[in-house]
Amino acid sequence: MTVTWQVNQSLPAGTDTSYKTILVKLCYAPISQKDRAWRKTVDDLSKDKTCQFKIVAKPYNPANNTVESFQYTVAKNVPTATYFVRAYALDSQDKQVAYGQTTDKSKTTNLFGIEAISGRHVSLDIASVCFSAFSVVSLFGFFFMEKRKAKLAQ
């Protein structure tokens, strides 16, 4: 996935003087936050769990007014959900001073889905079923043999 960003050029000159780093994150859309407290949006950004996956952090250069870009490969630990991308402008103390996102304020447009890779193959499922069936048959087989030996010993 290619992620691009640029500081809003319509803002007054000097607005970006405190920007030191641009941090881009992958964020859960509201539809993927429903009934999941561990993805909850909180106004206090230190407690906010909307944006849990870092895409990239790059130093900000106010002289460079061009579009920045980064090629991102979705990590294996990113779960299946609906997402949007948010870019934070951080100051020298790594505090968020501004942000922009790919969606609107209500987070309903320009959303995209990611399908996680489970890592399970059909052959693994078949093998687990076979071994489970074998263990149940073995359990009943040994139980039957023990009962039969006990009867013969009497």
N, C-alpha and C. Protein backbone atom coordinates (compact mmCIF):
# COMPACT_ATOMS: atom_id res chain seq x y z
N MET A 1 0.85 -1.16 0.00
CA MET A 1 0.00 0.00 0.00
C MET A 1 0.91 1.23 0.00
N THR A 2 0.60 2.17 -0.85
CA THR A 2 1.37 3.41 -0.90
C THR A 2 0.63 4.49 -0.11
N VAL A 3 1.31 5.06 0.86
CA VAL A 3 0.74 6.12 1.71
C VAL A 3 1.42 7.43 1.34
N THR A 4 0.62 8.46 1.05
CA THR A 4 1.17 9.78 0.72
C THR A 4 0.55 10.82 1.63
N TRP A 5 1.31 11.89 1.91
CA TRP A 5 0.82 12.98 2.74
C TRP A 5 1.53 14.27 2.40
N GLN A 6 0.87 15.37 2.75
CA GLN A 6 1.44 16.70 2.55
C GLN A 6 0.77 17.64 3.56
N VAL A 7 1.55 18.57 4.09
CA VAL A 7 1.00 19.55 5.02
C VAL A 7 0.07 20.47 4.25
N ASN A 8 -1.06 20.81 4.86
CA ASN A 8 -2.07 21.66 4.24
C ASN A 8 -1.46 23.01 3.87
N GLN A 9 -1.43 23.32 2.58
CA GLN A 9 -0.81 24.54 2.08
C GLN A 9 -1.68 25.78 2.29
N SER A 10 -2.96 25.59 2.64
CA SER A 10 -3.86 26.74 2.83
C SER A 10 -3.73 27.35 4.22
N LEU A 11 -2.96 26.74 5.11
CA LEU A 11 -2.76 27.29 6.45
C LEU A 11 -1.81 28.49 6.38
N PRO A 12 -1.92 29.40 7.33
CA PRO A 12 -1.01 30.56 7.34
C PRO A 12 0.45 30.13 7.49
N ALA A 13 1.34 30.90 6.92
CA ALA A 13 2.78 30.61 7.01
C ALA A 13 3.20 30.60 8.47
N GLY A 14 4.05 29.66 8.82
CA GLY A 14 4.56 29.57 10.19
C GLY A 14 3.74 28.64 11.08
N THR A 15 2.62 28.16 10.59
CA THR A 15 1.80 27.23 11.38
C THR A 15 2.58 25.97 11.73
N ASP A 16 3.45 25.56 10.84
CA ASP A 16 4.18 24.31 11.00
C ASP A 16 5.54 24.46 11.70
N THR A 17 5.79 25.57 12.38
CA THR A 17 7.11 25.79 12.99
C THR A 17 7.40 24.79 14.11
N SER A 18 6.38 24.28 14.79
CA SER A 18 6.62 23.34 15.89
C SER A 18 6.68 21.89 15.42
N TYR A 19 6.38 21.63 14.15
CA TYR A 19 6.39 20.26 13.63
C TYR A 19 7.84 19.77 13.51
N LYS A 20 8.11 18.61 14.11
CA LYS A 20 9.44 18.01 14.01
C LYS A 20 9.40 16.64 13.32
N THR A 21 8.30 15.91 13.52
CA THR A 21 8.17 14.57 12.97
C THR A 21 6.75 14.37 12.45
N ILE A 22 6.63 13.63 11.37
CA ILE A 22 5.32 13.21 10.88
C ILE A 22 5.20 11.71 11.15
N LEU A 23 4.20 11.34 11.93
CA LEU A 23 3.95 9.95 12.30
C LEU A 23 2.67 9.50 11.61
N VAL A 24 2.76 8.46 10.79
CA VAL A 24 1.61 7.95 10.05
C VAL A 24 1.20 6.61 10.65
N LYS A 25 -0.10 6.48 10.94
CA LYS A 25 -0.61 5.27 11.59
C LYS A 25 -1.83 4.72 10.88
N LEU A 26 -2.04 3.42 11.05
CA LEU A 26 -3.20 2.72 10.55
C LEU A 26 -4.23 2.70 11.68
N CYS A 27 -5.46 3.17 11.42
CA CYS A 27 -6.46 3.35 12.47
C CYS A 27 -7.73 2.56 12.18
N TYR A 28 -8.35 2.06 13.25
CA TYR A 28 -9.61 1.33 13.12
C TYR A 28 -10.76 2.29 12.81
N ALA A 29 -11.59 1.92 11.86
CA ALA A 29 -12.81 2.67 11.58
C ALA A 29 -13.85 2.34 12.65
N PRO A 30 -14.84 3.21 12.87
CA PRO A 30 -15.85 2.96 13.91
C PRO A 30 -16.55 1.61 13.77
N ILE A 31 -16.78 1.14 12.56
CA ILE A 31 -17.44 -0.15 12.36
C ILE A 31 -16.60 -1.30 12.95
N SER A 32 -15.29 -1.15 12.97
CA SER A 32 -14.40 -2.18 13.52
C SER A 32 -14.11 -1.96 15.00
N GLN A 33 -14.63 -0.88 15.57
CA GLN A 33 -14.45 -0.61 16.99
C GLN A 33 -15.66 -1.05 17.81
N LYS A 34 -16.77 -1.28 17.14
CA LYS A 34 -18.01 -1.63 17.82
C LYS A 34 -17.83 -2.91 18.64
N ASP A 35 -18.21 -2.85 19.91
CA ASP A 35 -18.12 -3.98 20.86
C ASP A 35 -16.68 -4.46 21.09
N ARG A 36 -15.71 -3.59 20.85
CA ARG A 36 -14.29 -3.93 21.09
C ARG A 36 -13.64 -2.80 21.87
N ALA A 37 -13.66 -2.91 23.19
CA ALA A 37 -13.13 -1.85 24.05
C ALA A 37 -11.64 -1.62 23.83
N TRP A 38 -10.92 -2.63 23.39
CA TRP A 38 -9.47 -2.48 23.18
C TRP A 38 -9.15 -1.67 21.92
N ARG A 39 -10.18 -1.22 21.18
CA ARG A 39 -9.99 -0.36 20.00
C ARG A 39 -10.69 0.99 20.20
N LYS A 40 -11.05 1.30 21.40
CA LYS A 40 -11.89 2.45 21.72
C LYS A 40 -11.22 3.79 21.42
N THR A 41 -12.02 4.73 20.89
CA THR A 41 -11.56 6.10 20.63
C THR A 41 -11.77 6.93 21.89
N VAL A 42 -10.71 7.61 22.33
CA VAL A 42 -10.76 8.48 23.50
C VAL A 42 -10.14 9.82 23.09
N ASP A 43 -10.74 10.93 23.54
CA ASP A 43 -10.22 12.25 23.17
C ASP A 43 -8.81 12.48 23.71
N ASP A 44 -8.49 11.90 24.88
CA ASP A 44 -7.14 11.99 25.43
C ASP A 44 -6.25 11.06 24.60
N LEU A 45 -5.38 11.63 23.77
CA LEU A 45 -4.60 10.82 22.83
C LEU A 45 -3.67 9.81 23.49
N SER A 46 -3.30 10.05 24.76
CA SER A 46 -2.44 9.07 25.44
C SER A 46 -3.22 7.80 25.77
N LYS A 47 -4.56 7.88 25.80
CA LYS A 47 -5.41 6.72 26.09
C LYS A 47 -6.16 6.21 24.87
N ASP A 48 -6.04 6.91 23.75
CA ASP A 48 -6.76 6.55 22.53
C ASP A 48 -6.20 5.25 21.95
N LYS A 49 -7.09 4.34 21.57
CA LYS A 49 -6.67 3.05 21.02
C LYS A 49 -7.12 2.87 19.58
N THR A 50 -7.51 3.98 18.93
CA THR A 50 -7.96 3.92 17.55
C THR A 50 -6.83 3.55 16.61
N CYS A 51 -5.68 4.19 16.77
CA CYS A 51 -4.55 4.01 15.86
C CYS A 51 -3.45 3.21 16.55
N GLN A 52 -3.46 1.91 16.36
CA GLN A 52 -2.51 1.05 17.06
C GLN A 52 -1.32 0.60 16.21
N PHE A 53 -1.37 0.83 14.91
CA PHE A 53 -0.33 0.29 14.04
C PHE A 53 0.44 1.41 13.34
N LYS A 54 1.72 1.49 13.66
CA LYS A 54 2.59 2.51 13.06
C LYS A 54 2.94 2.11 11.64
N ILE A 55 2.78 3.06 10.72
CA ILE A 55 3.19 2.84 9.34
C ILE A 55 4.60 3.37 9.14
N VAL A 56 4.81 4.65 9.49
CA VAL A 56 6.14 5.25 9.35
C VAL A 56 6.20 6.53 10.18
N ALA A 57 7.40 6.89 10.58
CA ALA A 57 7.68 8.19 11.22
C ALA A 57 8.85 8.79 10.47
N LYS A 58 8.66 10.01 9.97
CA LYS A 58 9.71 10.69 9.22
C LYS A 58 9.91 12.09 9.77
N PRO A 59 11.15 12.57 9.77
CA PRO A 59 11.39 13.95 10.21
C PRO A 59 10.70 14.93 9.25
N TYR A 60 10.19 16.02 9.81
CA TYR A 60 9.49 17.01 9.01
C TYR A 60 10.45 18.11 8.60
N ASN A 61 10.44 18.46 7.32
CA ASN A 61 11.28 19.53 6.80
C ASN A 61 10.35 20.62 6.27
N PRO A 62 10.26 21.78 6.96
CA PRO A 62 9.33 22.82 6.52
C PRO A 62 9.68 23.41 5.15
N ALA A 63 10.92 23.28 4.73
CA ALA A 63 11.33 23.81 3.42
C ALA A 63 10.83 22.92 2.28
N ASN A 64 10.50 21.67 2.60
CA ASN A 64 10.06 20.71 1.59
C ASN A 64 8.52 20.71 1.55
N ASN A 65 7.93 21.37 0.56
CA ASN A 65 6.48 21.45 0.44
C ASN A 65 5.91 20.41 -0.51
N THR A 66 6.67 19.38 -0.82
CA THR A 66 6.21 18.36 -1.76
C THR A 66 5.44 17.26 -1.02
N VAL A 67 4.82 16.42 -1.79
CA VAL A 67 4.09 15.29 -1.24
C VAL A 67 5.09 14.22 -0.81
N GLU A 68 4.96 13.78 0.44
CA GLU A 68 5.80 12.69 0.96
C GLU A 68 5.10 11.37 0.65
N SER A 69 5.88 10.31 0.53
CA SER A 69 5.31 9.02 0.18
C SER A 69 6.07 7.91 0.90
N PHE A 70 5.36 6.81 1.15
CA PHE A 70 5.97 5.65 1.78
C PHE A 70 5.25 4.40 1.31
N GLN A 71 6.02 3.39 0.93
CA GLN A 71 5.45 2.10 0.52
C GLN A 71 5.34 1.22 1.77
N TYR A 72 4.12 0.85 2.15
CA TYR A 72 3.86 0.10 3.38
C TYR A 72 3.37 -1.30 3.06
N THR A 73 3.99 -2.28 3.69
CA THR A 73 3.53 -3.66 3.61
C THR A 73 2.80 -3.97 4.92
N VAL A 74 1.57 -4.40 4.82
CA VAL A 74 0.76 -4.67 6.00
C VAL A 74 1.42 -5.78 6.82
N ALA A 75 1.61 -5.52 8.11
CA ALA A 75 2.26 -6.49 9.00
C ALA A 75 1.35 -7.69 9.25
N LYS A 76 1.95 -8.80 9.65
CA LYS A 76 1.20 -10.03 9.89
C LYS A 76 0.29 -9.92 11.11
N ASN A 77 0.62 -9.01 12.04
CA ASN A 77 -0.18 -8.91 13.27
C ASN A 77 -1.37 -7.95 13.14
N VAL A 78 -1.62 -7.44 11.95
CA VAL A 78 -2.75 -6.53 11.72
C VAL A 78 -4.00 -7.39 11.50
N PRO A 79 -5.02 -7.25 12.37
CA PRO A 79 -6.20 -8.10 12.25
C PRO A 79 -7.15 -7.66 11.14
N THR A 80 -8.04 -8.56 10.79
CA THR A 80 -9.08 -8.24 9.81
C THR A 80 -9.97 -7.14 10.37
N ALA A 81 -10.11 -6.06 9.63
CA ALA A 81 -10.94 -4.93 10.08
C ALA A 81 -11.05 -3.92 8.95
N THR A 82 -11.81 -2.85 9.23
CA THR A 82 -11.93 -1.71 8.33
C THR A 82 -11.08 -0.59 8.91
N TYR A 83 -10.28 0.06 8.06
CA TYR A 83 -9.28 1.02 8.53
C TYR A 83 -9.34 2.34 7.76
N PHE A 84 -8.63 3.32 8.30
CA PHE A 84 -8.27 4.55 7.61
C PHE A 84 -6.87 4.90 8.06
N VAL A 85 -6.23 5.85 7.38
CA VAL A 85 -4.86 6.25 7.72
C VAL A 85 -4.90 7.65 8.32
N ARG A 86 -4.12 7.85 9.38
CA ARG A 86 -4.02 9.16 10.03
C ARG A 86 -2.56 9.54 10.14
N ALA A 87 -2.25 10.81 9.86
CA ALA A 87 -0.89 11.34 9.99
C ALA A 87 -0.89 12.38 11.10
N TYR A 88 0.01 12.21 12.06
CA TYR A 88 0.16 13.15 13.17
C TYR A 88 1.40 14.00 12.94
N ALA A 89 1.32 15.28 13.24
CA ALA A 89 2.50 16.14 13.29
C ALA A 89 2.91 16.21 14.76
N LEU A 90 4.14 15.81 15.05
CA LEU A 90 4.64 15.78 16.43
C LEU A 90 5.64 16.91 16.64
N ASP A 91 5.65 17.44 17.87
CA ASP A 91 6.64 18.47 18.19
C ASP A 91 7.92 17.82 18.71
N SER A 92 8.84 18.60 19.24
CA SER A 92 10.13 18.07 19.70
C SER A 92 10.00 17.15 20.92
N GLN A 93 8.88 17.25 21.66
CA GLN A 93 8.63 16.35 22.79
C GLN A 93 7.74 15.18 22.40
N ASP A 94 7.57 14.94 21.11
CA ASP A 94 6.74 13.87 20.57
C ASP A 94 5.28 13.97 20.99
N LYS A 95 4.77 15.19 21.14
CA LYS A 95 3.36 15.41 21.43
C LYS A 95 2.66 15.80 20.13
N GLN A 96 1.44 15.28 19.95
CA GLN A 96 0.68 15.57 18.74
C GLN A 96 0.22 17.03 18.76
N VAL A 97 0.57 17.77 17.72
CA VAL A 97 0.16 19.17 17.61
C VAL A 97 -0.82 19.38 16.45
N ALA A 98 -0.90 18.42 15.54
CA ALA A 98 -1.84 18.49 14.44
C ALA A 98 -1.99 17.09 13.85
N TYR A 99 -3.07 16.90 13.09
CA TYR A 99 -3.24 15.63 12.40
C TYR A 99 -4.11 15.81 11.17
N GLY A 100 -4.04 14.84 10.31
CA GLY A 100 -4.89 14.76 9.14
C GLY A 100 -5.19 13.29 8.90
N GLN A 101 -6.29 13.00 8.23
CA GLN A 101 -6.66 11.60 8.01
C GLN A 101 -7.32 11.44 6.65
N THR A 102 -7.39 10.18 6.21
CA THR A 102 -7.93 9.89 4.89
C THR A 102 -9.45 9.88 4.86
N THR A 103 -10.09 10.01 5.98
CA THR A 103 -11.54 9.95 6.06
C THR A 103 -12.11 11.27 6.56
N ASP A 104 -13.41 11.38 6.58
CA ASP A 104 -14.05 12.61 7.06
C ASP A 104 -14.15 12.60 8.59
N LYS A 105 -14.73 13.66 9.15
CA LYS A 105 -14.81 13.80 10.60
C LYS A 105 -15.60 12.66 11.26
N SER A 106 -16.63 12.19 10.59
CA SER A 106 -17.45 11.11 11.16
C SER A 106 -16.88 9.72 10.83
N LYS A 107 -15.78 9.68 10.09
CA LYS A 107 -15.07 8.44 9.75
C LYS A 107 -15.96 7.45 9.02
N THR A 108 -16.62 7.93 7.97
CA THR A 108 -17.50 7.06 7.19
C THR A 108 -17.11 6.94 5.72
N THR A 109 -16.20 7.78 5.24
CA THR A 109 -15.81 7.73 3.83
C THR A 109 -14.33 7.36 3.70
N ASN A 110 -13.95 6.89 2.52
CA ASN A 110 -12.56 6.53 2.22
C ASN A 110 -11.98 5.52 3.20
N LEU A 111 -12.77 4.57 3.57
CA LEU A 111 -12.31 3.49 4.45
C LEU A 111 -11.91 2.30 3.58
N PHE A 112 -11.06 1.45 4.10
CA PHE A 112 -10.65 0.26 3.36
C PHE A 112 -10.52 -0.91 4.32
N GLY A 113 -10.67 -2.11 3.79
CA GLY A 113 -10.61 -3.32 4.60
C GLY A 113 -9.30 -4.05 4.41
N ILE A 114 -8.88 -4.72 5.47
CA ILE A 114 -7.71 -5.58 5.43
C ILE A 114 -8.13 -6.96 5.90
N GLU A 115 -7.81 -7.97 5.11
CA GLU A 115 -8.08 -9.36 5.47
C GLU A 115 -6.80 -9.96 6.04
N ALA A 116 -6.86 -10.38 7.28
CA ALA A 116 -5.68 -10.96 7.93
C ALA A 116 -5.40 -12.36 7.38
N ILE A 117 -4.16 -12.75 7.46
CA ILE A 117 -3.76 -14.09 7.06
C ILE A 117 -3.75 -14.95 8.31
N SER A 118 -4.52 -16.04 8.28
CA SER A 118 -4.63 -16.88 9.47
C SER A 118 -3.43 -17.79 9.64
N GLY A 119 -2.76 -18.16 8.55
CA GLY A 119 -1.61 -19.04 8.64
C GLY A 119 -2.01 -20.51 8.69
N ARG A 120 -3.31 -20.80 8.67
CA ARG A 120 -3.77 -22.19 8.69
C ARG A 120 -4.07 -22.65 7.27
N HIS A 121 -3.68 -23.87 6.99
CA HIS A 121 -3.95 -24.46 5.68
C HIS A 121 -4.94 -25.61 5.86
N VAL A 122 -5.58 -26.00 4.79
CA VAL A 122 -6.54 -27.09 4.83
C VAL A 122 -5.87 -28.38 5.28
N SER A 123 -4.64 -28.61 4.84
CA SER A 123 -3.93 -29.83 5.23
C SER A 123 -3.72 -29.90 6.74
N LEU A 124 -3.48 -28.76 7.36
CA LEU A 124 -3.32 -28.73 8.82
C LEU A 124 -4.65 -29.07 9.50
N ASP A 125 -5.74 -28.55 8.99
CA ASP A 125 -7.06 -28.87 9.56
C ASP A 125 -7.38 -30.35 9.41
N ILE A 126 -7.08 -30.93 8.25
CA ILE A 126 -7.34 -32.36 8.02
C ILE A 126 -6.50 -33.21 8.96
N ALA A 127 -5.23 -32.86 9.12
CA ALA A 127 -4.36 -33.63 10.01
C ALA A 127 -4.85 -33.55 11.46
N SER A 128 -5.30 -32.39 11.90
CA SER A 128 -5.78 -32.26 13.28
C SER A 128 -7.05 -33.08 13.49
N VAL A 129 -7.94 -33.13 12.50
CA VAL A 129 -9.15 -33.95 12.61
C VAL A 129 -8.79 -35.42 12.67
N CYS A 130 -7.86 -35.86 11.83
CA CYS A 130 -7.44 -37.27 11.82
C CYS A 130 -6.83 -37.67 13.15
N PHE A 131 -5.93 -36.85 13.69
CA PHE A 131 -5.31 -37.18 14.97
C PHE A 131 -6.32 -37.14 16.11
N SER A 132 -7.27 -36.24 16.06
CA SER A 132 -8.30 -36.19 17.09
C SER A 132 -9.17 -37.44 17.04
N ALA A 133 -9.58 -37.84 15.84
CA ALA A 133 -10.39 -39.06 15.70
C ALA A 133 -9.59 -40.28 16.17
N PHE A 134 -8.31 -40.35 15.81
CA PHE A 134 -7.47 -41.47 16.24
C PHE A 134 -7.37 -41.53 17.76
N SER A 135 -7.25 -40.38 18.41
CA SER A 135 -7.12 -40.37 19.87
C SER A 135 -8.41 -40.83 20.54
N VAL A 136 -9.56 -40.47 20.00
CA VAL A 136 -10.83 -40.91 20.58
C VAL A 136 -11.00 -42.41 20.39
N VAL A 137 -10.70 -42.90 19.19
CA VAL A 137 -10.79 -44.34 18.92
C VAL A 137 -9.83 -45.11 19.82
N SER A 138 -8.61 -44.60 20.00
CA SER A 138 -7.62 -45.25 20.86
C SER A 138 -8.10 -45.30 22.31
N LEU A 139 -8.69 -44.21 22.77
CA LEU A 139 -9.19 -44.16 24.14
C LEU A 139 -10.24 -45.24 24.37
N PHE A 140 -11.23 -45.32 23.47
CA PHE A 140 -12.26 -46.35 23.62
C PHE A 140 -11.69 -47.75 23.42
N GLY A 141 -10.73 -47.91 22.52
CA GLY A 141 -10.11 -49.22 22.29
C GLY A 141 -9.37 -49.71 23.53
N PHE A 142 -8.56 -48.86 24.16
CA PHE A 142 -7.84 -49.26 25.37
C PHE A 142 -8.80 -49.48 26.54
N PHE A 143 -9.86 -48.68 26.62
CA PHE A 143 -10.85 -48.86 27.67
C PHE A 143 -11.52 -50.23 27.51
N PHE A 144 -11.90 -50.60 26.27
CA PHE A 144 -12.52 -51.89 26.00
C PHE A 144 -11.56 -53.03 26.35
N MET A 145 -10.28 -52.89 25.96
CA MET A 145 -9.28 -53.94 26.25
C MET A 145 -9.09 -54.11 27.75
N GLU A 146 -9.06 -53.04 28.52
CA GLU A 146 -8.91 -53.13 29.98
C GLU A 146 -10.10 -53.84 30.61
N LYS A 147 -11.30 -53.51 30.16
CA LYS A 147 -12.51 -54.18 30.69
C LYS A 147 -12.48 -55.68 30.37
N ARG A 148 -12.04 -55.99 29.16
CA ARG A 148 -11.98 -57.40 28.74
C ARG A 148 -10.94 -58.17 29.57
N LYS A 149 -9.77 -57.56 29.82
CA LYS A 149 -8.74 -58.22 30.65
C LYS A 149 -9.26 -58.40 32.07
N ALA A 150 -9.98 -57.42 32.58
CA ALA A 150 -10.50 -57.52 33.95
C ALA A 150 -11.51 -58.66 34.06
N LYS A 151 -12.35 -58.86 33.05
CA LYS A 151 -13.32 -59.94 33.05
C LYS A 151 -12.64 -61.31 32.98
N LEU A 152 -11.57 -61.42 32.16
CA LEU A 152 -10.84 -62.68 32.02
C LEU A 152 -10.08 -63.03 33.30
N ALA A 153 -9.62 -62.00 34.02
CA ALA A 153 -8.85 -62.24 35.22
C ALA A 153 -9.76 -62.71 36.37
N GLN A 154 -11.05 -62.49 36.33
CA GLN A 154 -11.97 -62.91 37.40
C GLN A 154 -12.31 -64.32 37.31
